[in-house]
Amino acid sequence: MIISDEFAKHESDFIAKYQNKGYTANYRVKDGELIDLDTKETFKTTEVKVVAEHRYEGMSNPSDMSILYVIETPTDSKGTFLTGFGPSANLDEAEFFKAIPDENYSEDSNILTDE
């Protein structure tokens, strides 16, 4: 995982860059599965690949922390998922991403390696 220390880059900046690269799907976690909000397809943790991950800590409030996951699935659904961590974490979302097998995590599509 690459942790960005470039304070000028915020979650929305990274999301826009990933959308320009084709990562346009939006997701939610429900009942232990990831749901593509447009197609309604569901994915188990073993089917999800996280191809980039960015962690953010709030500049004015260090407890304002989030993680941006960049996701690919076997059906070519590609998108981003922004979730809180630390005190603002959603436990269902945290458990889902924690359950994704380690071999499904990579930095293959990280925009910081393209710059």
PDB file of N, CA and C in Angstrom:
ATOM      1  N   MET A   1       0.842  -1.171   0.000  1.00  0.00           N
ATOM      2  CA  MET A   1       0.000   0.000   0.000  1.00  0.00           C
ATOM      3  C   MET A   1       0.889   1.236   0.000  1.00  0.00           C
ATOM      4  N   ILE A   2       0.543   2.204  -0.819  1.00  0.00           N
ATOM      5  CA  ILE A   2       1.252   3.471  -0.852  1.00  0.00           C
ATOM      6  C   ILE A   2       0.436   4.475  -0.057  1.00  0.00           C
ATOM      7  N   ILE A   3       1.055   5.104   0.915  1.00  0.00           N
ATOM      8  CA  ILE A   3       0.379   6.126   1.703  1.00  0.00           C
ATOM      9  C   ILE A   3       0.809   7.475   1.160  1.00  0.00           C
ATOM     10  N   SER A   4      -0.147   8.286   0.766  1.00  0.00           N
ATOM     11  CA  SER A   4       0.159   9.575   0.167  1.00  0.00           C
ATOM     12  C   SER A   4       0.361  10.628   1.253  1.00  0.00           C
ATOM     13  N   ASP A   5       1.459  11.362   1.137  1.00  0.00           N
ATOM     14  CA  ASP A   5       1.670  12.477   2.052  1.00  0.00           C
ATOM     15  C   ASP A   5       1.500  13.802   1.319  1.00  0.00           C
ATOM     16  N   GLU A   6       0.912  13.755   0.135  1.00  0.00           N
ATOM     17  CA  GLU A   6       0.650  14.965  -0.627  1.00  0.00           C
ATOM     18  C   GLU A   6      -0.676  15.542  -0.158  1.00  0.00           C
ATOM     19  N   PHE A   7      -0.621  16.542   0.728  1.00  0.00           N
ATOM     20  CA  PHE A   7      -1.829  17.071   1.338  1.00  0.00           C
ATOM     21  C   PHE A   7      -2.753  17.764   0.342  1.00  0.00           C
ATOM     22  N   ALA A   8      -2.222  18.185  -0.822  1.00  0.00           N
ATOM     23  CA  ALA A   8      -3.064  18.850  -1.809  1.00  0.00           C
ATOM     24  C   ALA A   8      -4.015  17.871  -2.479  1.00  0.00           C
ATOM     25  N   LYS A   9      -3.729  16.591  -2.380  1.00  0.00           N
ATOM     26  CA  LYS A   9      -4.568  15.584  -3.021  1.00  0.00           C
ATOM     27  C   LYS A   9      -5.520  14.999  -1.997  1.00  0.00           C
ATOM     28  N   HIS A  10      -6.793  15.150  -2.261  1.00  0.00           N
ATOM     29  CA  HIS A  10      -7.824  14.652  -1.362  1.00  0.00           C
ATOM     30  C   HIS A  10      -8.555  13.494  -2.022  1.00  0.00           C
ATOM     31  N   GLU A  11      -9.428  12.882  -1.285  1.00  0.00           N
ATOM     32  CA  GLU A  11     -10.164  11.733  -1.790  1.00  0.00           C
ATOM     33  C   GLU A  11     -10.846  12.033  -3.119  1.00  0.00           C
ATOM     34  N   SER A  12     -11.517  13.173  -3.212  1.00  0.00           N
ATOM     35  CA  SER A  12     -12.263  13.493  -4.435  1.00  0.00           C
ATOM     36  C   SER A  12     -11.336  13.644  -5.637  1.00  0.00           C
ATOM     37  N   ASP A  13     -10.114  14.142  -5.422  1.00  0.00           N
ATOM     38  CA  ASP A  13      -9.146  14.255  -6.517  1.00  0.00           C
ATOM     39  C   ASP A  13      -8.766  12.875  -7.034  1.00  0.00           C
ATOM     40  N   PHE A  14      -8.514  11.966  -6.128  1.00  0.00           N
ATOM     41  CA  PHE A  14      -8.120  10.611  -6.511  1.00  0.00           C
ATOM     42  C   PHE A  14      -9.296   9.881  -7.166  1.00  0.00           C
ATOM     43  N   ILE A  15     -10.490  10.038  -6.637  1.00  0.00           N
ATOM     44  CA  ILE A  15     -11.664   9.394  -7.229  1.00  0.00           C
ATOM     45  C   ILE A  15     -11.835   9.866  -8.668  1.00  0.00           C
ATOM     46  N   ALA A  16     -11.698  11.149  -8.914  1.00  0.00           N
ATOM     47  CA  ALA A  16     -11.828  11.684 -10.279  1.00  0.00           C
ATOM     48  C   ALA A  16     -10.770  11.091 -11.203  1.00  0.00           C
ATOM     49  N   LYS A  17      -9.539  10.953 -10.729  1.00  0.00           N
ATOM     50  CA  LYS A  17      -8.480  10.366 -11.556  1.00  0.00           C
ATOM     51  C   LYS A  17      -8.791   8.908 -11.876  1.00  0.00           C
ATOM     52  N   TYR A  18      -9.265   8.166 -10.893  1.00  0.00           N
ATOM     53  CA  TYR A  18      -9.615   6.772 -11.148  1.00  0.00           C
ATOM     54  C   TYR A  18     -10.816   6.669 -12.084  1.00  0.00           C
ATOM     55  N   GLN A  19     -11.788   7.558 -11.956  1.00  0.00           N
ATOM     56  CA  GLN A  19     -12.929   7.540 -12.879  1.00  0.00           C
ATOM     57  C   GLN A  19     -12.458   7.768 -14.311  1.00  0.00           C
ATOM     58  N   ASN A  20     -11.486   8.649 -14.491  1.00  0.00           N
ATOM     59  CA  ASN A  20     -10.934   8.892 -15.830  1.00  0.00           C
ATOM     60  C   ASN A  20     -10.221   7.660 -16.385  1.00  0.00           C
ATOM     61  N   LYS A  21      -9.799   6.757 -15.506  1.00  0.00           N
ATOM     62  CA  LYS A  21      -9.150   5.508 -15.932  1.00  0.00           C
ATOM     63  C   LYS A  21     -10.153   4.352 -16.051  1.00  0.00           C
ATOM     64  N   GLY A  22     -11.441   4.647 -15.909  1.00  0.00           N
ATOM     65  CA  GLY A  22     -12.465   3.624 -16.100  1.00  0.00           C
ATOM     66  C   GLY A  22     -13.031   3.018 -14.831  1.00  0.00           C
ATOM     67  N   TYR A  23     -12.607   3.482 -13.678  1.00  0.00           N
ATOM     68  CA  TYR A  23     -13.120   2.966 -12.399  1.00  0.00           C
ATOM     69  C   TYR A  23     -14.336   3.797 -11.990  1.00  0.00           C
ATOM     70  N   THR A  24     -15.474   3.482 -12.603  1.00  0.00           N
ATOM     71  CA  THR A  24     -16.657   4.336 -12.461  1.00  0.00           C
ATOM     72  C   THR A  24     -17.762   3.739 -11.592  1.00  0.00           C
ATOM     73  N   ALA A  25     -17.679   2.460 -11.267  1.00  0.00           N
ATOM     74  CA  ALA A  25     -18.746   1.832 -10.476  1.00  0.00           C
ATOM     75  C   ALA A  25     -18.701   2.315  -9.030  1.00  0.00           C
ATOM     76  N   ASN A  26     -19.871   2.328  -8.427  1.00  0.00           N
ATOM     77  CA  ASN A  26     -20.019   2.649  -7.008  1.00  0.00           C
ATOM     78  C   ASN A  26     -20.598   1.419  -6.316  1.00  0.00           C
ATOM     79  N   TYR A  27     -20.191   1.239  -5.080  1.00  0.00           N
ATOM     80  CA  TYR A  27     -20.558   0.023  -4.355  1.00  0.00           C
ATOM     81  C   TYR A  27     -21.063   0.350  -2.955  1.00  0.00           C
ATOM     82  N   ARG A  28     -21.688  -0.673  -2.372  1.00  0.00           N
ATOM     83  CA  ARG A  28     -21.985  -0.654  -0.949  1.00  0.00           C
ATOM     84  C   ARG A  28     -21.815  -2.078  -0.439  1.00  0.00           C
ATOM     85  N   VAL A  29     -21.649  -2.210   0.858  1.00  0.00           N
ATOM     86  CA  VAL A  29     -21.514  -3.521   1.492  1.00  0.00           C
ATOM     87  C   VAL A  29     -22.810  -3.806   2.238  1.00  0.00           C
ATOM     88  N   LYS A  30     -23.357  -4.999   1.976  1.00  0.00           N
ATOM     89  CA  LYS A  30     -24.570  -5.417   2.676  1.00  0.00           C
ATOM     90  C   LYS A  30     -24.534  -6.928   2.831  1.00  0.00           C
ATOM     91  N   ASP A  31     -24.816  -7.392   4.031  1.00  0.00           N
ATOM     92  CA  ASP A  31     -24.868  -8.825   4.325  1.00  0.00           C
ATOM     93  C   ASP A  31     -23.594  -9.550   3.895  1.00  0.00           C
ATOM     94  N   GLY A  32     -22.447  -8.919   4.093  1.00  0.00           N
ATOM     95  CA  GLY A  32     -21.172  -9.557   3.800  1.00  0.00           C
ATOM     96  C   GLY A  32     -20.807  -9.634   2.334  1.00  0.00           C
ATOM     97  N   GLU A  33     -21.519  -8.896   1.485  1.00  0.00           N
ATOM     98  CA  GLU A  33     -21.211  -8.875   0.059  1.00  0.00           C
ATOM     99  C   GLU A  33     -21.090  -7.440  -0.432  1.00  0.00           C
ATOM    100  N   LEU A  34     -20.320  -7.279  -1.500  1.00  0.00           N
ATOM    101  CA  LEU A  34     -20.174  -5.988  -2.156  1.00  0.00           C
ATOM    102  C   LEU A  34     -21.214  -5.917  -3.266  1.00  0.00           C
ATOM    103  N   ILE A  35     -21.952  -4.833  -3.330  1.00  0.00           N
ATOM    104  CA  ILE A  35     -23.016  -4.681  -4.327  1.00  0.00           C
ATOM    105  C   ILE A  35     -22.668  -3.528  -5.250  1.00  0.00           C
ATOM    106  N   ASP A  36     -22.672  -3.793  -6.567  1.00  0.00           N
ATOM    107  CA  ASP A  36     -22.522  -2.735  -7.572  1.00  0.00           C
ATOM    108  C   ASP A  36     -23.859  -2.005  -7.613  1.00  0.00           C
ATOM    109  N   LEU A  37     -23.861  -0.719  -7.313  1.00  0.00           N
ATOM    110  CA  LEU A  37     -25.118   0.019  -7.190  1.00  0.00           C
ATOM    111  C   LEU A  37     -25.859   0.180  -8.508  1.00  0.00           C
ATOM    112  N   ASP A  38     -25.148   0.141  -9.650  1.00  0.00           N
ATOM    113  CA  ASP A  38     -25.825   0.269 -10.948  1.00  0.00           C
ATOM    114  C   ASP A  38     -26.374  -1.062 -11.446  1.00  0.00           C
ATOM    115  N   THR A  39     -25.547  -2.098 -11.441  1.00  0.00           N
ATOM    116  CA  THR A  39     -25.951  -3.386 -12.017  1.00  0.00           C
ATOM    117  C   THR A  39     -26.633  -4.298 -11.004  1.00  0.00           C
ATOM    118  N   LYS A  40     -26.494  -3.995  -9.718  1.00  0.00           N
ATOM    119  CA  LYS A  40     -27.014  -4.807  -8.607  1.00  0.00           C
ATOM    120  C   LYS A  40     -26.302  -6.152  -8.479  1.00  0.00           C
ATOM    121  N   GLU A  41     -25.193  -6.350  -9.201  1.00  0.00           N
ATOM    122  CA  GLU A  41     -24.402  -7.562  -9.045  1.00  0.00           C
ATOM    123  C   GLU A  41     -23.832  -7.597  -7.633  1.00  0.00           C
ATOM    124  N   THR A  42     -23.688  -8.792  -7.086  1.00  0.00           N
ATOM    125  CA  THR A  42     -23.090  -8.951  -5.763  1.00  0.00           C
ATOM    126  C   THR A  42     -21.808  -9.757  -5.881  1.00  0.00           C
ATOM    127  N   PHE A  43     -20.871  -9.450  -4.991  1.00  0.00           N
ATOM    128  CA  PHE A  43     -19.561 -10.092  -5.018  1.00  0.00           C
ATOM    129  C   PHE A  43     -19.164 -10.504  -3.610  1.00  0.00           C
ATOM    130  N   LYS A  44     -18.635 -11.699  -3.514  1.00  0.00           N
ATOM    131  CA  LYS A  44     -18.085 -12.201  -2.257  1.00  0.00           C
ATOM    132  C   LYS A  44     -16.658 -11.673  -2.102  1.00  0.00           C
ATOM    133  N   THR A  45     -16.127 -11.740  -0.907  1.00  0.00           N
ATOM    134  CA  THR A  45     -14.775 -11.220  -0.664  1.00  0.00           C
ATOM    135  C   THR A  45     -13.733 -11.881  -1.558  1.00  0.00           C
ATOM    136  N   THR A  46     -13.921 -13.152  -1.858  1.00  0.00           N
ATOM    137  CA  THR A  46     -12.947 -13.866  -2.691  1.00  0.00           C
ATOM    138  C   THR A  46     -12.982 -13.426  -4.147  1.00  0.00           C
ATOM    139  N   GLU A  47     -14.045 -12.722  -4.556  1.00  0.00           N
ATOM    140  CA  GLU A  47     -14.179 -12.274  -5.945  1.00  0.00           C
ATOM    141  C   GLU A  47     -13.685 -10.849  -6.159  1.00  0.00           C
ATOM    142  N   VAL A  48     -13.402 -10.140  -5.104  1.00  0.00           N
ATOM    143  CA  VAL A  48     -13.022  -8.734  -5.194  1.00  0.00           C
ATOM    144  C   VAL A  48     -11.504  -8.604  -5.199  1.00  0.00           C
ATOM    145  N   LYS A  49     -11.010  -7.809  -6.143  1.00  0.00           N
ATOM    146  CA  LYS A  49      -9.583  -7.486  -6.178  1.00  0.00           C
ATOM    147  C   LYS A  49      -9.425  -6.001  -5.882  1.00  0.00           C
ATOM    148  N   VAL A  50      -8.599  -5.688  -4.899  1.00  0.00           N
ATOM    149  CA  VAL A  50      -8.281  -4.305  -4.578  1.00  0.00           C
ATOM    150  C   VAL A  50      -6.958  -4.014  -5.267  1.00  0.00           C
ATOM    151  N   VAL A  51      -7.003  -3.153  -6.303  1.00  0.00           N
ATOM    152  CA  VAL A  51      -5.818  -2.902  -7.130  1.00  0.00           C
ATOM    153  C   VAL A  51      -5.094  -1.619  -6.753  1.00  0.00           C
ATOM    154  N   ALA A  52      -5.618  -0.906  -5.787  1.00  0.00           N
ATOM    155  CA  ALA A  52      -4.951   0.265  -5.206  1.00  0.00           C
ATOM    156  C   ALA A  52      -5.684   0.627  -3.922  1.00  0.00           C
ATOM    157  N   GLU A  53      -4.949   1.214  -3.006  1.00  0.00           N
ATOM    158  CA  GLU A  53      -5.523   1.611  -1.724  1.00  0.00           C
ATOM    159  C   GLU A  53      -4.829   2.892  -1.288  1.00  0.00           C
ATOM    160  N   HIS A  54      -5.625   3.862  -0.851  1.00  0.00           N
ATOM    161  CA  HIS A  54      -5.087   5.137  -0.369  1.00  0.00           C
ATOM    162  C   HIS A  54      -5.714   5.447   0.984  1.00  0.00           C
ATOM    163  N   ARG A  55      -4.884   5.813   1.947  1.00  0.00           N
ATOM    164  CA  ARG A  55      -5.368   6.196   3.273  1.00  0.00           C
ATOM    165  C   ARG A  55      -5.192   7.700   3.435  1.00  0.00           C
ATOM    166  N   TYR A  56      -6.174   8.302   4.067  1.00  0.00           N
ATOM    167  CA  TYR A  56      -6.166   9.745   4.283  1.00  0.00           C
ATOM    168  C   TYR A  56      -6.398  10.045   5.755  1.00  0.00           C
ATOM    169  N   GLU A  57      -5.702  11.046   6.238  1.00  0.00           N
ATOM    170  CA  GLU A  57      -5.921  11.546   7.593  1.00  0.00           C
ATOM    171  C   GLU A  57      -6.280  13.013   7.464  1.00  0.00           C
ATOM    172  N   GLY A  58      -7.357  13.411   8.122  1.00  0.00           N
ATOM    173  CA  GLY A  58      -7.833  14.782   8.003  1.00  0.00           C
ATOM    174  C   GLY A  58      -6.780  15.799   8.413  1.00  0.00           C
ATOM    175  N   MET A  59      -6.638  16.853   7.594  1.00  0.00           N
ATOM    176  CA  MET A  59      -5.639  17.890   7.880  1.00  0.00           C
ATOM    177  C   MET A  59      -6.004  18.681   9.128  1.00  0.00           C
ATOM    178  N   SER A  60      -7.281  19.043   9.255  1.00  0.00           N
ATOM    179  CA  SER A  60      -7.682  19.851  10.401  1.00  0.00           C
ATOM    180  C   SER A  60      -8.143  18.989  11.572  1.00  0.00           C
ATOM    181  N   ASN A  61      -8.507  17.743  11.287  1.00  0.00           N
ATOM    182  CA  ASN A  61      -8.983  16.854  12.334  1.00  0.00           C
ATOM    183  C   ASN A  61      -8.396  15.461  12.083  1.00  0.00           C
ATOM    184  N   PRO A  62      -7.316  15.103  12.768  1.00  0.00           N
ATOM    185  CA  PRO A  62      -6.673  13.803  12.522  1.00  0.00           C
ATOM    186  C   PRO A  62      -7.577  12.598  12.711  1.00  0.00           C
ATOM    187  N   SER A  63      -8.687  12.760  13.427  1.00  0.00           N
ATOM    188  CA  SER A  63      -9.589  11.620  13.592  1.00  0.00           C
ATOM    189  C   SER A  63     -10.502  11.443  12.377  1.00  0.00           C
ATOM    190  N   ASP A  64     -10.446  12.384  11.432  1.00  0.00           N
ATOM    191  CA  ASP A  64     -11.211  12.276  10.194  1.00  0.00           C
ATOM    192  C   ASP A  64     -10.379  11.457   9.204  1.00  0.00           C
ATOM    193  N   MET A  65     -10.502  10.130   9.291  1.00  0.00           N
ATOM    194  CA  MET A  65      -9.653   9.243   8.511  1.00  0.00           C
ATOM    195  C   MET A  65     -10.501   8.413   7.558  1.00  0.00           C
ATOM    196  N   SER A  66      -9.969   8.177   6.357  1.00  0.00           N
ATOM    197  CA  SER A  66     -10.691   7.366   5.387  1.00  0.00           C
ATOM    198  C   SER A  66      -9.721   6.536   4.560  1.00  0.00           C
ATOM    199  N   ILE A  67     -10.289   5.516   3.912  1.00  0.00           N
ATOM    200  CA  ILE A  67      -9.543   4.664   2.995  1.00  0.00           C
ATOM    201  C   ILE A  67     -10.309   4.634   1.679  1.00  0.00           C
ATOM    202  N   LEU A  68      -9.582   4.842   0.585  1.00  0.00           N
ATOM    203  CA  LEU A  68     -10.154   4.707  -0.747  1.00  0.00           C
ATOM    204  C   LEU A  68      -9.650   3.397  -1.332  1.00  0.00           C
ATOM    205  N   TYR A  69     -10.573   2.485  -1.615  1.00  0.00           N
ATOM    206  CA  TYR A  69     -10.238   1.221  -2.254  1.00  0.00           C
ATOM    207  C   TYR A  69     -10.579   1.330  -3.737  1.00  0.00           C
ATOM    208  N   VAL A  70      -9.675   0.870  -4.593  1.00  0.00           N
ATOM    209  CA  VAL A  70      -9.918   0.808  -6.033  1.00  0.00           C
ATOM    210  C   VAL A  70     -10.120  -0.669  -6.354  1.00  0.00           C
ATOM    211  N   ILE A  71     -11.280  -0.977  -6.943  1.00  0.00           N
ATOM    212  CA  ILE A  71     -11.772  -2.350  -7.014  1.00  0.00           C
ATOM    213  C   ILE A  71     -11.966  -2.827  -8.453  1.00  0.00           C
ATOM    214  N   GLU A  72     -11.644  -4.105  -8.661  1.00  0.00           N
ATOM    215  CA  GLU A  72     -11.986  -4.808  -9.900  1.00  0.00           C
ATOM    216  C   GLU A  72     -12.672  -6.111  -9.517  1.00  0.00           C
ATOM    217  N   THR A  73     -13.599  -6.560 -10.387  1.00  0.00           N
ATOM    218  CA  THR A  73     -14.338  -7.803 -10.137  1.00  0.00           C
ATOM    219  C   THR A  73     -14.235  -8.705 -11.362  1.00  0.00           C
ATOM    220  N   PRO A  74     -14.649  -9.964 -11.223  1.00  0.00           N
ATOM    221  CA  PRO A  74     -14.583 -10.888 -12.363  1.00  0.00           C
ATOM    222  C   PRO A  74     -15.507 -10.513 -13.524  1.00  0.00           C
ATOM    223  N   THR A  75     -16.515  -9.676 -13.280  1.00  0.00           N
ATOM    224  CA  THR A  75     -17.454  -9.293 -14.335  1.00  0.00           C
ATOM    225  C   THR A  75     -17.074  -7.956 -14.977  1.00  0.00           C
ATOM    226  N   ASP A  76     -15.856  -7.504 -14.737  1.00  0.00           N
ATOM    227  CA  ASP A  76     -15.347  -6.233 -15.268  1.00  0.00           C
ATOM    228  C   ASP A  76     -16.000  -5.005 -14.654  1.00  0.00           C
ATOM    229  N   SER A  77     -16.670  -5.168 -13.532  1.00  0.00           N
ATOM    230  CA  SER A  77     -17.135  -4.027 -12.764  1.00  0.00           C
ATOM    231  C   SER A  77     -15.889  -3.434 -12.097  1.00  0.00           C
ATOM    232  N   LYS A  78     -15.636  -2.162 -12.375  1.00  0.00           N
ATOM    233  CA  LYS A  78     -14.457  -1.488 -11.816  1.00  0.00           C
ATOM    234  C   LYS A  78     -14.901  -0.180 -11.193  1.00  0.00           C
ATOM    235  N   GLY A  79     -14.451   0.074  -9.957  1.00  0.00           N
ATOM    236  CA  GLY A  79     -14.861   1.302  -9.314  1.00  0.00           C
ATOM    237  C   GLY A  79     -14.084   1.579  -8.047  1.00  0.00           C
ATOM    238  N   THR A  80     -14.622   2.495  -7.270  1.00  0.00           N
ATOM    239  CA  THR A  80     -13.973   2.910  -6.030  1.00  0.00           C
ATOM    240  C   THR A  80     -14.948   2.765  -4.867  1.00  0.00           C
ATOM    241  N   PHE A  81     -14.359   2.625  -3.685  1.00  0.00           N
ATOM    242  CA  PHE A  81     -15.155   2.515  -2.458  1.00  0.00           C
ATOM    243  C   PHE A  81     -14.433   3.321  -1.394  1.00  0.00           C
ATOM    244  N   LEU A  82     -15.086   4.339  -0.870  1.00  0.00           N
ATOM    245  CA  LEU A  82     -14.514   5.186   0.170  1.00  0.00           C
ATOM    246  C   LEU A  82     -15.179   4.852   1.496  1.00  0.00           C
ATOM    247  N   THR A  83     -14.366   4.554   2.489  1.00  0.00           N
ATOM    248  CA  THR A  83     -14.903   4.216   3.802  1.00  0.00           C
ATOM    249  C   THR A  83     -14.049   4.854   4.894  1.00  0.00           C
ATOM    250  N   GLY A  84     -14.633   5.061   6.035  1.00  0.00           N
ATOM    251  CA  GLY A  84     -13.897   5.607   7.161  1.00  0.00           C
ATOM    252  C   GLY A  84     -13.120   4.517   7.879  1.00  0.00           C
ATOM    253  N   PHE A  85     -12.070   4.928   8.580  1.00  0.00           N
ATOM    254  CA  PHE A  85     -11.407   3.992   9.485  1.00  0.00           C
ATOM    255  C   PHE A  85     -11.107   4.730  10.772  1.00  0.00           C
ATOM    256  N   GLY A  86     -10.738   3.984  11.777  1.00  0.00           N
ATOM    257  CA  GLY A  86     -10.572   4.598  13.094  1.00  0.00           C
ATOM    258  C   GLY A  86     -11.938   4.801  13.714  1.00  0.00           C
ATOM    259  N   PRO A  87     -12.144   5.919  14.405  1.00  0.00           N
ATOM    260  CA  PRO A  87     -13.409   6.135  15.120  1.00  0.00           C
ATOM    261  C   PRO A  87     -14.626   6.249  14.206  1.00  0.00           C
ATOM    262  N   SER A  88     -14.410   6.590  12.926  1.00  0.00           N
ATOM    263  CA  SER A  88     -15.551   6.756  12.018  1.00  0.00           C
ATOM    264  C   SER A  88     -15.821   5.508  11.183  1.00  0.00           C
ATOM    265  N   ALA A  89     -15.196   4.398  11.498  1.00  0.00           N
ATOM    266  CA  ALA A  89     -15.319   3.186  10.689  1.00  0.00           C
ATOM    267  C   ALA A  89     -16.713   2.577  10.757  1.00  0.00           C
ATOM    268  N   ASN A  90     -17.167   2.082   9.624  1.00  0.00           N
ATOM    269  CA  ASN A  90     -18.374   1.271   9.547  1.00  0.00           C
ATOM    270  C   ASN A  90     -17.902  -0.168   9.707  1.00  0.00           C
ATOM    271  N   LEU A  91     -18.351  -0.840  10.747  1.00  0.00           N
ATOM    272  CA  LEU A  91     -17.827  -2.165  11.068  1.00  0.00           C
ATOM    273  C   LEU A  91     -18.111  -3.202   9.988  1.00  0.00           C
ATOM    274  N   ASP A  92     -19.274  -3.143   9.340  1.00  0.00           N
ATOM    275  CA  ASP A  92     -19.584  -4.090   8.272  1.00  0.00           C
ATOM    276  C   ASP A  92     -18.622  -3.912   7.093  1.00  0.00           C
ATOM    277  N   GLU A  93     -18.361  -2.668   6.743  1.00  0.00           N
ATOM    278  CA  GLU A  93     -17.432  -2.391   5.642  1.00  0.00           C
ATOM    279  C   GLU A  93     -16.015  -2.823   6.021  1.00  0.00           C
ATOM    280  N   ALA A  94     -15.601  -2.502   7.230  1.00  0.00           N
ATOM    281  CA  ALA A  94     -14.260  -2.871   7.680  1.00  0.00           C
ATOM    282  C   ALA A  94     -14.072  -4.381   7.667  1.00  0.00           C
ATOM    283  N   GLU A  95     -15.074  -5.115   8.139  1.00  0.00           N
ATOM    284  CA  GLU A  95     -14.994  -6.579   8.155  1.00  0.00           C
ATOM    285  C   GLU A  95     -14.932  -7.147   6.747  1.00  0.00           C
ATOM    286  N   PHE A  96     -15.694  -6.560   5.817  1.00  0.00           N
ATOM    287  CA  PHE A  96     -15.673  -7.038   4.441  1.00  0.00           C
ATOM    288  C   PHE A  96     -14.271  -6.899   3.848  1.00  0.00           C
ATOM    289  N   PHE A  97     -13.685  -5.714   3.956  1.00  0.00           N
ATOM    290  CA  PHE A  97     -12.370  -5.492   3.344  1.00  0.00           C
ATOM    291  C   PHE A  97     -11.273  -6.272   4.064  1.00  0.00           C
ATOM    292  N   LYS A  98     -11.439  -6.492   5.356  1.00  0.00           N
ATOM    293  CA  LYS A  98     -10.484  -7.309   6.104  1.00  0.00           C
ATOM    294  C   LYS A  98     -10.538  -8.776   5.657  1.00  0.00           C
ATOM    295  N   ALA A  99     -11.706  -9.225   5.224  1.00  0.00           N
ATOM    296  CA  ALA A  99     -11.891 -10.621   4.812  1.00  0.00           C
ATOM    297  C   ALA A  99     -11.433 -10.908   3.383  1.00  0.00           C
ATOM    298  N   ILE A 100     -11.127  -9.868   2.612  1.00  0.00           N
ATOM    299  CA  ILE A 100     -10.609 -10.098   1.257  1.00  0.00           C
ATOM    300  C   ILE A 100      -9.243 -10.766   1.398  1.00  0.00           C
ATOM    301  N   PRO A 101      -9.016 -11.875   0.691  1.00  0.00           N
ATOM    302  CA  PRO A 101      -7.731 -12.571   0.816  1.00  0.00           C
ATOM    303  C   PRO A 101      -6.544 -11.669   0.449  1.00  0.00           C
ATOM    304  N   ASP A 102      -5.448 -11.840   1.162  1.00  0.00           N
ATOM    305  CA  ASP A 102      -4.258 -11.019   0.926  1.00  0.00           C
ATOM    306  C   ASP A 102      -3.819 -11.048  -0.532  1.00  0.00           C
ATOM    307  N   GLU A 103      -3.943 -12.201  -1.177  1.00  0.00           N
ATOM    308  CA  GLU A 103      -3.499 -12.307  -2.568  1.00  0.00           C
ATOM    309  C   GLU A 103      -4.377 -11.509  -3.535  1.00  0.00           C
ATOM    310  N   ASN A 104      -5.523 -11.009  -3.061  1.00  0.00           N
ATOM    311  CA  ASN A 104      -6.393 -10.170  -3.888  1.00  0.00           C
ATOM    312  C   ASN A 104      -6.085  -8.680  -3.742  1.00  0.00           C
ATOM    313  N   TYR A 105      -5.071  -8.358  -2.961  1.00  0.00           N
ATOM    314  CA  TYR A 105      -4.631  -6.967  -2.809  1.00  0.00           C
ATOM    315  C   TYR A 105      -3.369  -6.754  -3.624  1.00  0.00           C
ATOM    316  N   SER A 106      -3.326  -5.652  -4.368  1.00  0.00           N
ATOM    317  CA  SER A 106      -2.123  -5.277  -5.108  1.00  0.00           C
ATOM    318  C   SER A 106      -2.114  -3.765  -5.268  1.00  0.00           C
ATOM    319  N   GLU A 107      -1.082  -3.269  -5.891  1.00  0.00           N
ATOM    320  CA  GLU A 107      -1.000  -1.847  -6.233  1.00  0.00           C
ATOM    321  C   GLU A 107      -0.887  -1.710  -7.753  1.00  0.00           C
ATOM    322  N   ASP A 108      -1.431  -2.694  -8.487  1.00  0.00           N
ATOM    323  CA  ASP A 108      -1.293  -2.751  -9.941  1.00  0.00           C
ATOM    324  C   ASP A 108      -1.837  -1.526 -10.663  1.00  0.00           C
ATOM    325  N   SER A 109      -2.849  -0.890 -10.142  1.00  0.00           N
ATOM    326  CA  SER A 109      -3.468   0.254 -10.816  1.00  0.00           C
ATOM    327  C   SER A 109      -3.329   1.557 -10.035  1.00  0.00           C
ATOM    328  N   ASN A 110      -2.365   1.621  -9.119  1.00  0.00           N
ATOM    329  CA  ASN A 110      -2.204   2.813  -8.284  1.00  0.00           C
ATOM    330  C   ASN A 110      -1.748   3.994  -9.133  1.00  0.00           C
ATOM    331  N   ILE A 111      -2.502   5.087  -9.084  1.00  0.00           N
ATOM    332  CA  ILE A 111      -2.173   6.268  -9.900  1.00  0.00           C
ATOM    333  C   ILE A 111      -0.888   6.938  -9.447  1.00  0.00           C
ATOM    334  N   LEU A 112      -0.464   6.705  -8.220  1.00  0.00           N
ATOM    335  CA  LEU A 112       0.788   7.310  -7.747  1.00  0.00           C
ATOM    336  C   LEU A 112       1.991   6.681  -8.419  1.00  0.00           C
ATOM    337  N   THR A 113       1.875   5.445  -8.878  1.00  0.00           N
ATOM    338  CA  THR A 113       2.990   4.813  -9.581  1.00  0.00           C
ATOM    339  C   THR A 113       3.046   5.237 -11.034  1.00  0.00           C
ATOM    340  N   ASP A 114       1.978   5.878 -11.540  1.00  0.00           N
ATOM    341  CA  ASP A 114       1.938   6.385 -12.923  1.00  0.00           C
ATOM    342  C   ASP A 114       2.554   7.765 -13.039  1.00  0.00           C
ATOM    343  N   GLU A 115       2.683   8.475 -11.921  1.00  0.00           N
ATOM    344  CA  GLU A 115       3.127   9.872 -11.965  1.00  0.00           C
ATOM    345  C   GLU A 115       4.629   9.972 -12.012  1.00  0.00           C
TER     346      GLU A 115
END
